[in-house]
Each structure stands twice: as structure tokens, then as C-alpha cells.
Amino acid sequence: MGKRYLDGHKGKKFETAYRMTTKDGGHVHILCRAEAVEFDERDKPTRVVGTHMDITRERELDQMKSEFISTAAHELRTPLTTVLGFAELLLNKEEYGVTDPRRQQELLETIVHKAERLETIISELLDLSRIQAGHAISLNMAKVDICRLLEQVVAEYRGVTSAYRFQESYPAERMEIVADENKIEQVMENLLSNAIKFSPKGSTIKIVGGVEKERYNVQVKDEGRGMTAEQVERVFDKFYRADASDTAKEGLGLGMSIAREIVEAHGGEIHVKSAPGCGTSITFTLPLTTRETAR
């Protein structure tokens, strides 16, 4: 990767970056070696001081951030291009021959859908900005019928896609918890959208809710291609996308990271279980609050 020389007051320092593979050939580490040669007053070398640092993670973060910037620009441009293009068609409908009311309605619905996508992207970027600045996720806590909320979110997805089967299971007894309804809805939308993205059409997505050890557990399980152990380990990393290829599904690689921040801000936990070819199961827990103690 090259060598850089820097002249110092009493000597010269050079840094070299190189790759090292573990004995089993599994992991490649990027190491940085810095060495300084000291000279005496007669300009003769007296000693060499060297250090080694593993900068693998730093290089990975730099690459992820670069990919994130590129992805963010693409994700913003795609829906914006549709919004601008379809809006121009409607503004000049006579010129472009868009006079059929049904066609106009279709264009308007597409504009709204793409605008909602833009809103989601911007919300994720704002959440990331707050997190990076060290601020906790802002919560508007109130009593929430958690089963009704889950049913509502799933119903919305069931209404917009018939390519997947949604199977729900909740306790017969209704239960209220204290939470930020919009934020929990954001978590569920992220989990369901991921399940749809990475599952084959015609498969079943299971949503299970239940009480266990003073917590309300929510599980979203799909029949998708699953993830490797390495992907599971990194799934909550900011900017990380399991599929970063040119044909990857849309997304900034922020959804799961923000979902964890939201769940943990509620005092809960979120876990992922997955294996290649066996689908993915994501479970998050929220503390229970009785009606008497809820505010």
C-alpha cells in the first residue's frame, strides 16, 4: 500500500500499511506499522522505535461510510426523479396526453408513495444524526394497546401486497404497555419490510406476540434466504447492508441500527436468529407496565 516518509525535528518516521492473514486463512487484518529513526547531534542513527496497530475496523468503517454516501444519494435520487417526472406529466397533461382520470390517479398514487419513501429516508438520516451526536432517541410515551398496534401495522402491509401470507398470533387478552406508538410502529415497519425484501413471493411471514417474564415479546419470522453468522453479527451496524451489490434491495443500512436504538430506549432488547436457507427470526422485547402504574 506504499510507504510515507515524514521529516521530524530529531529524526524520520515512516508508516507502512499491509495485510496479514490468520493461520487458518480465515480473516485478513490490515495492520499499520509506524517506525521512527532517531539521530544524535552528529546526525548518526541511535535507535529505531516501532509500533504496530490493527486498523482493520477503521478501514472497514471508512469503506462503509463511502458506500453509505453513494447509496444515500442513489436512494434519494430514485424516488425524487419519479416525483418530479410524474408531477411534470400532470402539470402538462394535455401536452403529454395524460387525460384519463384513472391514469392521473395512478400517477398521483405513485407520487405519494415515492414521497413517503423520501420521508422515511430523511427520518432515518435525522435519527442517525441525533444518535451520532450522542443524543438519545426522543420518545413520546403513552399507554398503547400493543396487540392493536401490531394488527394495524400488519394490516397495512397485507393491504399493499398480496404476494405474501401474514400469519399472526397474539394473546386473547388485550394488553396496554407504555411506549411511543410511532416509534414502535417504525420498528415493526422496518422488520416487516426486511422480511418482504428478502423472502420469496408466496412465502409466509409470521408475527407472534406474547408475555414472558414481565416483558412483551414480538417476533417477526420469515422464510427467506437467511444470513450467515457474520451477517447476523453485523446486522445492527450503522451503514451495513447484508447485500451491497448493484442489485441489492433499496435501503440505507440504517433501519436495524435505529430499530435497536428505539427498542433499547424503551428499556427493551432485540435479537436476531438466522442461518443460510433457514430464514430469519427477529425478536424484540418491551417492558410491561400495568394500568395502575402507567402514566
C-alpha atoms as a PDB file:
ATOM      1  CA  MET A   1       0.000   0.000   0.000  1.00  0.00           C
ATOM      2  CA  GLY A   2       3.024   2.244  -0.166  1.00  0.00           C
ATOM      3  CA  LYS A   3       5.381   3.961   2.256  1.00  0.00           C
ATOM      4  CA  ARG A   4       5.303   7.549   3.526  1.00  0.00           C
ATOM      5  CA  TYR A   5       8.291   9.433   4.953  1.00  0.00           C
ATOM      6  CA  LEU A   6       7.870  12.381   7.292  1.00  0.00           C
ATOM      7  CA  ASP A   7      10.829  14.563   8.348  1.00  0.00           C
ATOM      8  CA  GLY A   8      10.850  15.294  12.081  1.00  0.00           C
ATOM      9  CA  HIS A   9      12.926  17.549  14.282  1.00  0.00           C
ATOM     10  CA  LYS A  10      15.163  14.747  15.522  1.00  0.00           C
ATOM     11  CA  GLY A  11      14.562  12.028  13.037  1.00  0.00           C
ATOM     12  CA  LYS A  12      12.399  10.456  10.372  1.00  0.00           C
ATOM     13  CA  LYS A  13       9.220   8.466  10.728  1.00  0.00           C
ATOM     14  CA  PHE A  14       7.688   6.182   8.133  1.00  0.00           C
ATOM     15  CA  GLU A  15       4.388   4.332   8.102  1.00  0.00           C
ATOM     16  CA  THR A  16       3.503   1.222   6.156  1.00  0.00           C
ATOM     17  CA  ALA A  17       0.105  -0.433   5.832  1.00  0.00           C
ATOM     18  CA  TYR A  18      -0.079  -4.105   4.909  1.00  0.00           C
ATOM     19  CA  ARG A  19      -2.421  -7.080   5.104  1.00  0.00           C
ATOM     20  CA  MET A  20      -1.966 -10.141   7.286  1.00  0.00           C
ATOM     21  CA  THR A  21      -3.994 -13.343   7.073  1.00  0.00           C
ATOM     22  CA  THR A  22      -4.568 -15.563  10.099  1.00  0.00           C
ATOM     23  CA  LYS A  23      -3.013 -19.024  10.119  1.00  0.00           C
ATOM     24  CA  ASP A  24      -6.292 -20.702   9.219  1.00  0.00           C
ATOM     25  CA  GLY A  25      -6.660 -18.345   6.273  1.00  0.00           C
ATOM     26  CA  GLY A  26      -9.946 -17.077   7.612  1.00  0.00           C
ATOM     27  CA  HIS A  27      -9.582 -13.381   8.447  1.00  0.00           C
ATOM     28  CA  VAL A  28      -7.492 -10.713   6.798  1.00  0.00           C
ATOM     29  CA  HIS A  29      -6.290  -7.902   9.045  1.00  0.00           C
ATOM     30  CA  ILE A  30      -4.941  -4.568   7.873  1.00  0.00           C
ATOM     31  CA  LEU A  31      -2.003  -3.549  10.030  1.00  0.00           C
ATOM     32  CA  CYS A  32      -0.246  -0.199  10.190  1.00  0.00           C
ATOM     33  CA  ARG A  33       3.396  -0.152  11.202  1.00  0.00           C
ATOM     34  CA  ALA A  34       4.979   3.109  12.287  1.00  0.00           C
ATOM     35  CA  GLU A  35       8.723   3.365  12.881  1.00  0.00           C
ATOM     36  CA  ALA A  36      10.881   6.314  13.935  1.00  0.00           C
ATOM     37  CA  VAL A  37      14.651   6.523  13.498  1.00  0.00           C
ATOM     38  CA  GLU A  38      16.315   8.847  15.988  1.00  0.00           C
ATOM     39  CA  PHE A  39      19.618  10.613  15.335  1.00  0.00           C
ATOM     40  CA  ASP A  40      22.153  12.184  17.664  1.00  0.00           C
ATOM     41  CA  GLU A  41      23.613  15.683  17.376  1.00  0.00           C
ATOM     42  CA  ARG A  42      26.151  14.380  14.820  1.00  0.00           C
ATOM     43  CA  ASP A  43      23.294  13.084  12.670  1.00  0.00           C
ATOM     44  CA  LYS A  44      24.075   9.444  13.358  1.00  0.00           C
ATOM     45  CA  PRO A  45      21.210   6.970  13.915  1.00  0.00           C
ATOM     46  CA  THR A  46      20.901   5.900  17.543  1.00  0.00           C
ATOM     47  CA  ARG A  47      17.771   3.764  17.705  1.00  0.00           C
ATOM     48  CA  VAL A  48      14.637   2.642  15.929  1.00  0.00           C
ATOM     49  CA  VAL A  49      11.250   2.721  17.656  1.00  0.00           C
ATOM     50  CA  GLY A  50       8.361   0.810  16.054  1.00  0.00           C
ATOM     51  CA  THR A  51       4.684   0.187  16.776  1.00  0.00           C
ATOM     52  CA  HIS A  52       2.023  -1.955  15.132  1.00  0.00           C
ATOM     53  CA  MET A  53      -1.701  -1.187  15.102  1.00  0.00           C
ATOM     54  CA  ASP A  54      -4.640  -3.155  13.744  1.00  0.00           C
ATOM     55  CA  ILE A  55      -6.594  -0.638  11.630  1.00  0.00           C
ATOM     56  CA  THR A  56      -8.921  -3.194  10.035  1.00  0.00           C
ATOM     57  CA  ARG A  57     -12.049  -1.814  11.705  1.00  0.00           C
ATOM     58  CA  GLU A  58     -11.148   1.781  10.822  1.00  0.00           C
ATOM     59  CA  ARG A  59     -10.694   0.859   7.164  1.00  0.00           C
ATOM     60  CA  GLU A  60     -13.980  -1.067   7.167  1.00  0.00           C
ATOM     61  CA  LEU A  61     -15.824   1.914   8.651  1.00  0.00           C
ATOM     62  CA  ASP A  62     -14.319   4.247   6.050  1.00  0.00           C
ATOM     63  CA  GLN A  63     -15.458   1.904   3.283  1.00  0.00           C
ATOM     64  CA  MET A  64     -18.930   1.540   4.804  1.00  0.00           C
ATOM     65  CA  LYS A  65     -19.311   5.316   5.078  1.00  0.00           C
ATOM     66  CA  SER A  66     -18.241   5.773   1.458  1.00  0.00           C
ATOM     67  CA  GLU A  67     -20.747   3.131   0.365  1.00  0.00           C
ATOM     68  CA  PHE A  68     -23.390   4.784   2.546  1.00  0.00           C
ATOM     69  CA  ILE A  69     -22.913   8.191   0.918  1.00  0.00           C
ATOM     70  CA  SER A  70     -23.185   6.622  -2.528  1.00  0.00           C
ATOM     71  CA  THR A  71     -26.232   4.591  -1.510  1.00  0.00           C
ATOM     72  CA  ALA A  72     -27.937   7.580   0.163  1.00  0.00           C
ATOM     73  CA  ALA A  73     -27.503   9.679  -2.960  1.00  0.00           C
ATOM     74  CA  HIS A  74     -28.982   6.889  -5.083  1.00  0.00           C
ATOM     75  CA  GLU A  75     -31.847   6.216  -2.672  1.00  0.00           C
ATOM     76  CA  LEU A  76     -32.791   9.916  -2.627  1.00  0.00           C
ATOM     77  CA  ARG A  77     -32.438  10.440  -6.349  1.00  0.00           C
ATOM     78  CA  THR A  78     -34.567   7.463  -7.432  1.00  0.00           C
ATOM     79  CA  PRO A  79     -37.894   8.466  -5.804  1.00  0.00           C
ATOM     80  CA  LEU A  80     -37.206  12.161  -6.404  1.00  0.00           C
ATOM     81  CA  THR A  81     -36.812  11.532 -10.129  1.00  0.00           C
ATOM     82  CA  THR A  82     -40.183   9.762 -10.178  1.00  0.00           C
ATOM     83  CA  VAL A  83     -41.890  12.543  -8.213  1.00  0.00           C
ATOM     84  CA  LEU A  84     -40.547  15.274 -10.480  1.00  0.00           C
ATOM     85  CA  GLY A  85     -41.250  13.339 -13.667  1.00  0.00           C
ATOM     86  CA  PHE A  86     -44.822  12.385 -12.826  1.00  0.00           C
ATOM     87  CA  ALA A  87     -45.579  15.860 -11.442  1.00  0.00           C
ATOM     88  CA  GLU A  88     -44.450  17.343 -14.765  1.00  0.00           C
ATOM     89  CA  LEU A  89     -46.739  14.940 -16.631  1.00  0.00           C
ATOM     90  CA  LEU A  90     -49.707  16.066 -14.548  1.00  0.00           C
ATOM     91  CA  LEU A  91     -48.858  19.750 -14.908  1.00  0.00           C
ATOM     92  CA  ASN A  92     -48.719  19.331 -18.689  1.00  0.00           C
ATOM     93  CA  LYS A  93     -51.289  16.559 -19.077  1.00  0.00           C
ATOM     94  CA  GLU A  94     -52.648  17.881 -22.357  1.00  0.00           C
ATOM     95  CA  GLU A  95     -49.205  18.089 -23.916  1.00  0.00           C
ATOM     96  CA  TYR A  96     -48.260  14.558 -22.787  1.00  0.00           C
ATOM     97  CA  GLY A  97     -51.694  13.060 -23.382  1.00  0.00           C
ATOM     98  CA  VAL A  98     -52.368  12.184 -19.756  1.00  0.00           C
ATOM     99  CA  THR A  99     -56.085  12.986 -19.830  1.00  0.00           C
ATOM    100  CA  ASP A 100     -57.530   9.715 -18.495  1.00  0.00           C
ATOM    101  CA  PRO A 101     -58.649  10.315 -14.865  1.00  0.00           C
ATOM    102  CA  ARG A 102     -57.660   6.784 -13.895  1.00  0.00           C
ATOM    103  CA  ARG A 103     -54.166   7.301 -15.274  1.00  0.00           C
ATOM    104  CA  GLN A 104     -53.906  10.601 -13.410  1.00  0.00           C
ATOM    105  CA  GLN A 105     -54.951   8.855 -10.210  1.00  0.00           C
ATOM    106  CA  GLU A 106     -52.256   6.204 -10.731  1.00  0.00           C
ATOM    107  CA  LEU A 107     -49.610   8.888 -11.194  1.00  0.00           C
ATOM    108  CA  LEU A 108     -50.750  10.710  -8.056  1.00  0.00           C
ATOM    109  CA  GLU A 109     -50.663   7.493  -6.018  1.00  0.00           C
ATOM    110  CA  THR A 110     -47.126   6.796  -7.244  1.00  0.00           C
ATOM    111  CA  ILE A 111     -46.051  10.330  -6.338  1.00  0.00           C
ATOM    112  CA  VAL A 112     -47.440   9.907  -2.818  1.00  0.00           C
ATOM    113  CA  HIS A 113     -45.735   6.509  -2.439  1.00  0.00           C
ATOM    114  CA  LYS A 114     -42.361   7.873  -3.547  1.00  0.00           C
ATOM    115  CA  ALA A 115     -42.769  10.963  -1.350  1.00  0.00           C
ATOM    116  CA  GLU A 116     -43.393   8.657   1.627  1.00  0.00           C
ATOM    117  CA  ARG A 117     -40.193   6.812   0.720  1.00  0.00           C
ATOM    118  CA  LEU A 118     -38.308  10.116   0.739  1.00  0.00           C
ATOM    119  CA  GLU A 119     -39.819  10.938   4.134  1.00  0.00           C
ATOM    120  CA  THR A 120     -38.600   7.607   5.510  1.00  0.00           C
ATOM    121  CA  ILE A 121     -35.067   8.190   4.230  1.00  0.00           C
ATOM    122  CA  ILE A 122     -34.933  11.679   5.714  1.00  0.00           C
ATOM    123  CA  SER A 123     -36.295  10.416   9.050  1.00  0.00           C
ATOM    124  CA  GLU A 124     -33.581   7.761   9.170  1.00  0.00           C
ATOM    125  CA  LEU A 125     -30.906  10.363   8.421  1.00  0.00           C
ATOM    126  CA  LEU A 126     -32.245  12.653  11.167  1.00  0.00           C
ATOM    127  CA  ASP A 127     -32.328   9.756  13.636  1.00  0.00           C
ATOM    128  CA  LEU A 128     -28.761   8.877  12.695  1.00  0.00           C
ATOM    129  CA  SER A 129     -27.683  12.498  13.194  1.00  0.00           C
ATOM    130  CA  ARG A 130     -29.142  12.531  16.707  1.00  0.00           C
ATOM    131  CA  ILE A 131     -27.531   9.202  17.579  1.00  0.00           C
ATOM    132  CA  GLN A 132     -24.140  10.256  16.212  1.00  0.00           C
ATOM    133  CA  ALA A 133     -24.364  13.453  18.266  1.00  0.00           C
ATOM    134  CA  GLY A 134     -24.819  11.355  21.386  1.00  0.00           C
ATOM    135  CA  HIS A 135     -28.484  12.203  21.886  1.00  0.00           C
ATOM    136  CA  ALA A 136     -30.947   9.521  22.916  1.00  0.00           C
ATOM    137  CA  ILE A 137     -33.933   8.724  20.726  1.00  0.00           C
ATOM    138  CA  SER A 138     -36.738  11.115  21.695  1.00  0.00           C
ATOM    139  CA  LEU A 139     -39.809   9.223  22.945  1.00  0.00           C
ATOM    140  CA  ASN A 140     -43.393  10.374  23.381  1.00  0.00           C
ATOM    141  CA  MET A 141     -44.563   7.840  25.944  1.00  0.00           C
ATOM    142  CA  ALA A 142     -48.235   6.956  26.396  1.00  0.00           C
ATOM    143  CA  LYS A 143     -50.441   3.919  27.018  1.00  0.00           C
ATOM    144  CA  VAL A 144     -50.583   1.725  23.907  1.00  0.00           C
ATOM    145  CA  ASP A 145     -52.703  -1.305  23.090  1.00  0.00           C
ATOM    146  CA  ILE A 146     -49.775  -3.303  21.750  1.00  0.00           C
ATOM    147  CA  CYS A 147     -51.874  -6.007  20.067  1.00  0.00           C
ATOM    148  CA  ARG A 148     -53.989  -3.439  18.251  1.00  0.00           C
ATOM    149  CA  LEU A 149     -50.835  -1.629  17.114  1.00  0.00           C
ATOM    150  CA  LEU A 150     -49.289  -4.828  15.735  1.00  0.00           C
ATOM    151  CA  GLU A 151     -52.525  -5.782  13.970  1.00  0.00           C
ATOM    152  CA  GLN A 152     -52.760  -2.328  12.429  1.00  0.00           C
ATOM    153  CA  VAL A 153     -49.215  -2.359  11.029  1.00  0.00           C
ATOM    154  CA  VAL A 154     -49.600  -5.878   9.624  1.00  0.00           C
ATOM    155  CA  ALA A 155     -52.976  -4.956   8.082  1.00  0.00           C
ATOM    156  CA  GLU A 156     -51.331  -2.092   6.199  1.00  0.00           C
ATOM    157  CA  TYR A 157     -48.741  -4.430   4.706  1.00  0.00           C
ATOM    158  CA  ARG A 158     -51.380  -7.028   3.917  1.00  0.00           C
ATOM    159  CA  GLY A 159     -53.341  -4.328   2.101  1.00  0.00           C
ATOM    160  CA  VAL A 160     -50.499  -3.294  -0.200  1.00  0.00           C
ATOM    161  CA  THR A 161     -49.124  -6.716  -1.110  1.00  0.00           C
ATOM    162  CA  SER A 162     -50.849  -9.991  -1.869  1.00  0.00           C
ATOM    163  CA  ALA A 163     -47.599 -11.781  -2.701  1.00  0.00           C
ATOM    164  CA  TYR A 164     -47.017 -12.873   0.904  1.00  0.00           C
ATOM    165  CA  ARG A 165     -49.044 -14.590   3.608  1.00  0.00           C
ATOM    166  CA  PHE A 166     -49.084 -12.895   7.016  1.00  0.00           C
ATOM    167  CA  GLN A 167     -49.767 -15.201   9.958  1.00  0.00           C
ATOM    168  CA  GLU A 168     -50.471 -13.515  13.290  1.00  0.00           C
ATOM    169  CA  SER A 169     -50.705 -14.884  16.819  1.00  0.00           C
ATOM    170  CA  TYR A 170     -51.446 -12.715  19.876  1.00  0.00           C
ATOM    171  CA  PRO A 171     -52.831 -13.334  23.389  1.00  0.00           C
ATOM    172  CA  ALA A 172     -56.610 -13.299  23.629  1.00  0.00           C
ATOM    173  CA  GLU A 173     -56.431 -10.759  26.450  1.00  0.00           C
ATOM    174  CA  ARG A 174     -55.769  -7.205  25.342  1.00  0.00           C
ATOM    175  CA  MET A 175     -52.785  -5.540  26.960  1.00  0.00           C
ATOM    176  CA  GLU A 176     -51.599  -1.981  27.335  1.00  0.00           C
ATOM    177  CA  ILE A 177     -47.988  -1.005  27.733  1.00  0.00           C
ATOM    178  CA  VAL A 178     -46.367   2.397  27.992  1.00  0.00           C
ATOM    179  CA  ALA A 179     -44.426   3.174  24.821  1.00  0.00           C
ATOM    180  CA  ASP A 180     -44.005   5.590  21.944  1.00  0.00           C
ATOM    181  CA  GLU A 181     -46.571   4.270  19.488  1.00  0.00           C
ATOM    182  CA  ASN A 182     -44.994   5.894  16.414  1.00  0.00           C
ATOM    183  CA  LYS A 183     -41.532   4.586  17.264  1.00  0.00           C
ATOM    184  CA  ILE A 184     -42.727   1.013  17.868  1.00  0.00           C
ATOM    185  CA  GLU A 185     -44.608   1.250  14.587  1.00  0.00           C
ATOM    186  CA  GLN A 186     -41.331   2.326  12.944  1.00  0.00           C
ATOM    187  CA  VAL A 187     -39.596  -0.751  14.355  1.00  0.00           C
ATOM    188  CA  MET A 188     -42.342  -3.055  13.069  1.00  0.00           C
ATOM    189  CA  GLU A 189     -42.341  -1.436   9.625  1.00  0.00           C
ATOM    190  CA  ASN A 190     -38.605  -2.000   9.384  1.00  0.00           C
ATOM    191  CA  LEU A 191     -38.848  -5.663  10.386  1.00  0.00           C
ATOM    192  CA  LEU A 192     -41.759  -6.367   8.044  1.00  0.00           C
ATOM    193  CA  SER A 193     -40.206  -4.538   5.105  1.00  0.00           C
ATOM    194  CA  ASN A 194     -36.976  -6.523   5.574  1.00  0.00           C
ATOM    195  CA  ALA A 195     -38.936  -9.780   5.748  1.00  0.00           C
ATOM    196  CA  ILE A 196     -40.630  -8.912   2.459  1.00  0.00           C
ATOM    197  CA  LYS A 197     -37.406  -7.789   0.785  1.00  0.00           C
ATOM    198  CA  PHE A 198     -35.529 -10.982   1.492  1.00  0.00           C
ATOM    199  CA  SER A 199     -38.286 -13.595   1.238  1.00  0.00           C
ATOM    200  CA  PRO A 200     -39.586 -15.348  -1.877  1.00  0.00           C
ATOM    201  CA  LYS A 201     -43.068 -14.460  -3.071  1.00  0.00           C
ATOM    202  CA  GLY A 202     -45.727 -16.805  -1.794  1.00  0.00           C
ATOM    203  CA  SER A 203     -43.897 -17.427   1.482  1.00  0.00           C
ATOM    204  CA  THR A 204     -45.297 -16.870   4.977  1.00  0.00           C
ATOM    205  CA  ILE A 205     -44.266 -14.123   7.380  1.00  0.00           C
ATOM    206  CA  LYS A 206     -45.179 -14.905  10.987  1.00  0.00           C
ATOM    207  CA  ILE A 207     -45.825 -12.253  13.621  1.00  0.00           C
ATOM    208  CA  VAL A 208     -46.107 -13.532  17.177  1.00  0.00           C
ATOM    209  CA  GLY A 209     -46.762 -11.511  20.323  1.00  0.00           C
ATOM    210  CA  GLY A 210     -46.809 -12.712  23.898  1.00  0.00           C
ATOM    211  CA  VAL A 211     -45.885 -12.078  27.513  1.00  0.00           C
ATOM    212  CA  GLU A 212     -42.861 -13.683  29.126  1.00  0.00           C
ATOM    213  CA  LYS A 213     -41.014 -12.721  32.319  1.00  0.00           C
ATOM    214  CA  GLU A 214     -42.622  -9.305  32.765  1.00  0.00           C
ATOM    215  CA  ARG A 215     -41.947  -8.369  29.141  1.00  0.00           C
ATOM    216  CA  TYR A 216     -43.976  -8.292  25.976  1.00  0.00           C
ATOM    217  CA  ASN A 217     -42.166 -10.150  23.189  1.00  0.00           C
ATOM    218  CA  VAL A 218     -42.727  -9.532  19.494  1.00  0.00           C
ATOM    219  CA  GLN A 219     -41.290 -11.946  16.934  1.00  0.00           C
ATOM    220  CA  VAL A 220     -41.180 -11.483  13.166  1.00  0.00           C
ATOM    221  CA  LYS A 221     -40.117 -14.634  11.336  1.00  0.00           C
ATOM    222  CA  ASP A 222     -39.706 -15.090   7.586  1.00  0.00           C
ATOM    223  CA  GLU A 223     -38.877 -17.932   5.201  1.00  0.00           C
ATOM    224  CA  GLY A 224     -36.200 -16.020   3.313  1.00  0.00           C
ATOM    225  CA  ARG A 225     -32.676 -16.937   2.356  1.00  0.00           C
ATOM    226  CA  GLY A 226     -31.340 -16.218   5.844  1.00  0.00           C
ATOM    227  CA  MET A 227     -27.972 -14.815   6.871  1.00  0.00           C
ATOM    228  CA  THR A 228     -24.537 -16.125   7.707  1.00  0.00           C
ATOM    229  CA  ALA A 229     -23.147 -15.876  11.245  1.00  0.00           C
ATOM    230  CA  GLU A 230     -21.003 -12.922  10.153  1.00  0.00           C
ATOM    231  CA  GLN A 231     -24.009 -11.095   8.711  1.00  0.00           C
ATOM    232  CA  VAL A 232     -26.007 -11.682  11.896  1.00  0.00           C
ATOM    233  CA  GLU A 233     -23.132 -10.315  13.954  1.00  0.00           C
ATOM    234  CA  ARG A 234     -23.054  -7.107  11.920  1.00  0.00           C
ATOM    235  CA  VAL A 235     -26.759  -6.651  11.195  1.00  0.00           C
ATOM    236  CA  PHE A 236     -27.074  -3.790  13.722  1.00  0.00           C
ATOM    237  CA  ASP A 237     -24.002  -1.915  12.448  1.00  0.00           C
ATOM    238  CA  LYS A 238     -24.708   1.514  11.020  1.00  0.00           C
ATOM    239  CA  PHE A 239     -24.452   1.655   7.204  1.00  0.00           C
ATOM    240  CA  TYR A 240     -24.257  -2.145   6.983  1.00  0.00           C
ATOM    241  CA  ARG A 241     -26.258  -3.945   4.319  1.00  0.00           C
ATOM    242  CA  ALA A 242     -26.116  -7.718   4.044  1.00  0.00           C
ATOM    243  CA  ASP A 243     -26.365  -7.347   0.258  1.00  0.00           C
ATOM    244  CA  ALA A 244     -24.310  -4.403  -1.005  1.00  0.00           C
ATOM    245  CA  SER A 245     -24.286  -5.441  -4.659  1.00  0.00           C
ATOM    246  CA  ASP A 246     -25.636  -3.351  -7.522  1.00  0.00           C
ATOM    247  CA  THR A 247     -28.792  -5.470  -7.480  1.00  0.00           C
ATOM    248  CA  ALA A 248     -29.331  -5.063  -3.731  1.00  0.00           C
ATOM    249  CA  LYS A 249     -32.725  -4.129  -2.363  1.00  0.00           C
ATOM    250  CA  GLU A 250     -33.329  -0.474  -1.534  1.00  0.00           C
ATOM    251  CA  GLY A 251     -32.207   0.787   1.868  1.00  0.00           C
ATOM    252  CA  LEU A 252     -29.534   2.835   3.602  1.00  0.00           C
ATOM    253  CA  GLY A 253     -28.322   0.175   6.008  1.00  0.00           C
ATOM    254  CA  LEU A 254     -29.683   2.178   8.956  1.00  0.00           C
ATOM    255  CA  GLY A 255     -33.037   0.559   9.686  1.00  0.00           C
ATOM    256  CA  MET A 256     -31.866  -2.203  12.023  1.00  0.00           C
ATOM    257  CA  SER A 257     -29.448   0.084  13.855  1.00  0.00           C
ATOM    258  CA  ILE A 258     -32.191   2.633  14.502  1.00  0.00           C
ATOM    259  CA  ALA A 259     -34.639  -0.132  15.456  1.00  0.00           C
ATOM    260  CA  ARG A 260     -32.246  -1.287  18.161  1.00  0.00           C
ATOM    261  CA  GLU A 261     -31.807   2.276  19.427  1.00  0.00           C
ATOM    262  CA  ILE A 262     -35.598   2.649  19.699  1.00  0.00           C
ATOM    263  CA  VAL A 263     -36.106  -0.682  21.479  1.00  0.00           C
ATOM    264  CA  GLU A 264     -33.257  -0.061  23.918  1.00  0.00           C
ATOM    265  CA  ALA A 265     -34.536   3.475  24.585  1.00  0.00           C
ATOM    266  CA  HIS A 266     -37.741   1.771  25.792  1.00  0.00           C
ATOM    267  CA  GLY A 267     -35.681  -0.436  28.110  1.00  0.00           C
ATOM    268  CA  GLY A 268     -36.073  -3.454  25.843  1.00  0.00           C
ATOM    269  CA  GLU A 269     -33.831  -5.758  23.835  1.00  0.00           C
ATOM    270  CA  ILE A 270     -33.732  -7.015  20.253  1.00  0.00           C
ATOM    271  CA  HIS A 271     -32.177 -10.249  18.977  1.00  0.00           C
ATOM    272  CA  VAL A 272     -31.667 -11.891  15.582  1.00  0.00           C
ATOM    273  CA  LYS A 273     -31.529 -15.608  14.766  1.00  0.00           C
ATOM    274  CA  SER A 274     -30.775 -16.723  11.239  1.00  0.00           C
ATOM    275  CA  ALA A 275     -28.931 -19.259   9.123  1.00  0.00           C
ATOM    276  CA  PRO A 276     -28.449 -19.604   5.361  1.00  0.00           C
ATOM    277  CA  GLY A 277     -31.519 -21.200   3.800  1.00  0.00           C
ATOM    278  CA  CYS A 278     -33.453 -21.201   7.079  1.00  0.00           C
ATOM    279  CA  GLY A 279     -34.994 -17.748   7.144  1.00  0.00           C
ATOM    280  CA  THR A 280     -34.596 -15.045   9.774  1.00  0.00           C
ATOM    281  CA  SER A 281     -36.297 -14.541  13.123  1.00  0.00           C
ATOM    282  CA  ILE A 282     -36.112 -11.173  14.894  1.00  0.00           C
ATOM    283  CA  THR A 283     -37.482 -10.755  18.402  1.00  0.00           C
ATOM    284  CA  PHE A 284     -37.728  -7.555  20.407  1.00  0.00           C
ATOM    285  CA  THR A 285     -38.971  -7.178  23.959  1.00  0.00           C
ATOM    286  CA  LEU A 286     -40.668  -4.264  25.734  1.00  0.00           C
ATOM    287  CA  PRO A 287     -41.137  -3.882  29.496  1.00  0.00           C
ATOM    288  CA  LEU A 288     -44.650  -4.399  30.816  1.00  0.00           C
ATOM    289  CA  THR A 289     -46.388  -1.567  32.668  1.00  0.00           C
ATOM    290  CA  THR A 290     -49.675  -2.154  34.455  1.00  0.00           C
ATOM    291  CA  ARG A 291     -52.623   0.179  34.137  1.00  0.00           C
ATOM    292  CA  GLU A 292     -52.121   1.342  37.719  1.00  0.00           C
ATOM    293  CA  THR A 293     -48.517   2.396  37.149  1.00  0.00           C
ATOM    294  CA  ALA A 294     -48.942   3.717  33.604  1.00  0.00           C
ATOM    295  CA  ARG A 295     -48.910   7.473  33.152  1.00  0.00           C
END
